[in-house]
Protein backbone atom coordinates (compact mmCIF):
# COMPACT_ATOMS: atom_id res chain seq x y z
CA LYS A 1 -4.59 10.50 7.08
CA THR A 2 -5.30 10.32 10.86
CA VAL A 3 -7.25 7.48 12.41
CA GLN A 4 -10.41 9.76 13.07
CA ALA A 5 -10.45 10.85 9.45
CA GLN A 6 -10.81 7.40 8.24
CA GLU A 7 -13.22 6.41 10.85
CA ASN A 8 -15.79 9.26 9.51
CA ARG A 9 -15.56 8.17 6.05
CA ILE A 10 -16.05 4.72 6.82
CA LYS A 11 -19.36 5.82 8.32
CA ASN A 12 -20.20 7.98 5.43
CA SER A 13 -19.13 5.86 2.22
CA LYS A 14 -21.95 3.30 0.86
CA PRO A 15 -20.44 0.16 0.76
CA GLU A 16 -19.24 -0.04 -2.61
CA GLU A 17 -17.17 2.88 -2.71
CA LEU A 18 -15.66 1.26 0.16
CA ASN A 19 -14.82 -1.04 -1.33
CA ASN A 20 -13.42 0.50 -4.41
CA LYS A 21 -11.58 2.55 -1.67
CA THR A 22 -10.16 -1.13 0.02
CA VAL A 23 -9.15 -2.04 -3.55
CA LYS A 24 -7.21 0.72 -4.12
CA ASP A 25 -5.60 1.26 -0.89
CA ASN A 26 -4.70 -2.48 -1.23
CA GLU A 27 -3.05 -2.21 -4.33
CA ILE A 28 -0.75 0.82 -3.43
CA ILE A 29 0.56 -1.68 -0.36
CA VAL A 30 0.96 -4.25 -2.78
CA PHE A 31 2.96 -1.70 -4.73
CA LYS A 32 5.14 -0.48 -2.31
CA ILE A 33 5.80 -3.85 -1.23
CA ILE A 34 7.12 -4.92 -4.32
CA GLU A 35 9.15 -1.72 -4.92
CA LYS A 36 11.01 -3.02 -1.47
CA ILE A 37 11.51 -6.56 -2.69
CA GLU A 38 12.91 -4.84 -5.73
CA LEU A 39 15.32 -2.60 -3.51
CA TYR A 40 16.87 -5.77 -1.79
CA ASN A 41 17.29 -7.45 -4.82
CA LEU A 42 19.46 -4.71 -6.25
CA LEU A 43 20.87 -4.58 -2.59
CA GLN A 44 21.48 -7.98 -2.79
CA LYS A 45 23.41 -8.08 -6.30
CA LEU A 46 25.70 -4.74 -5.33
CA GLN A 47 26.62 -6.76 -2.28
CA GLU A 48 27.62 -9.49 -4.47
CA LEU A 49 29.39 -7.47 -6.89
CA GLN A 50 31.89 -6.43 -4.26
């Protein structure tokens, strides 16, 4: 998504819609971070086994 499209969506959104969108975006970010941490931990374990 382009910055312009995001800005347009923000301008055209009601506050409660924006809030839900932000929560969903944050959940996705958190999920991605957790996935990265899990991957990192797996890599660490693999290196210890070698």
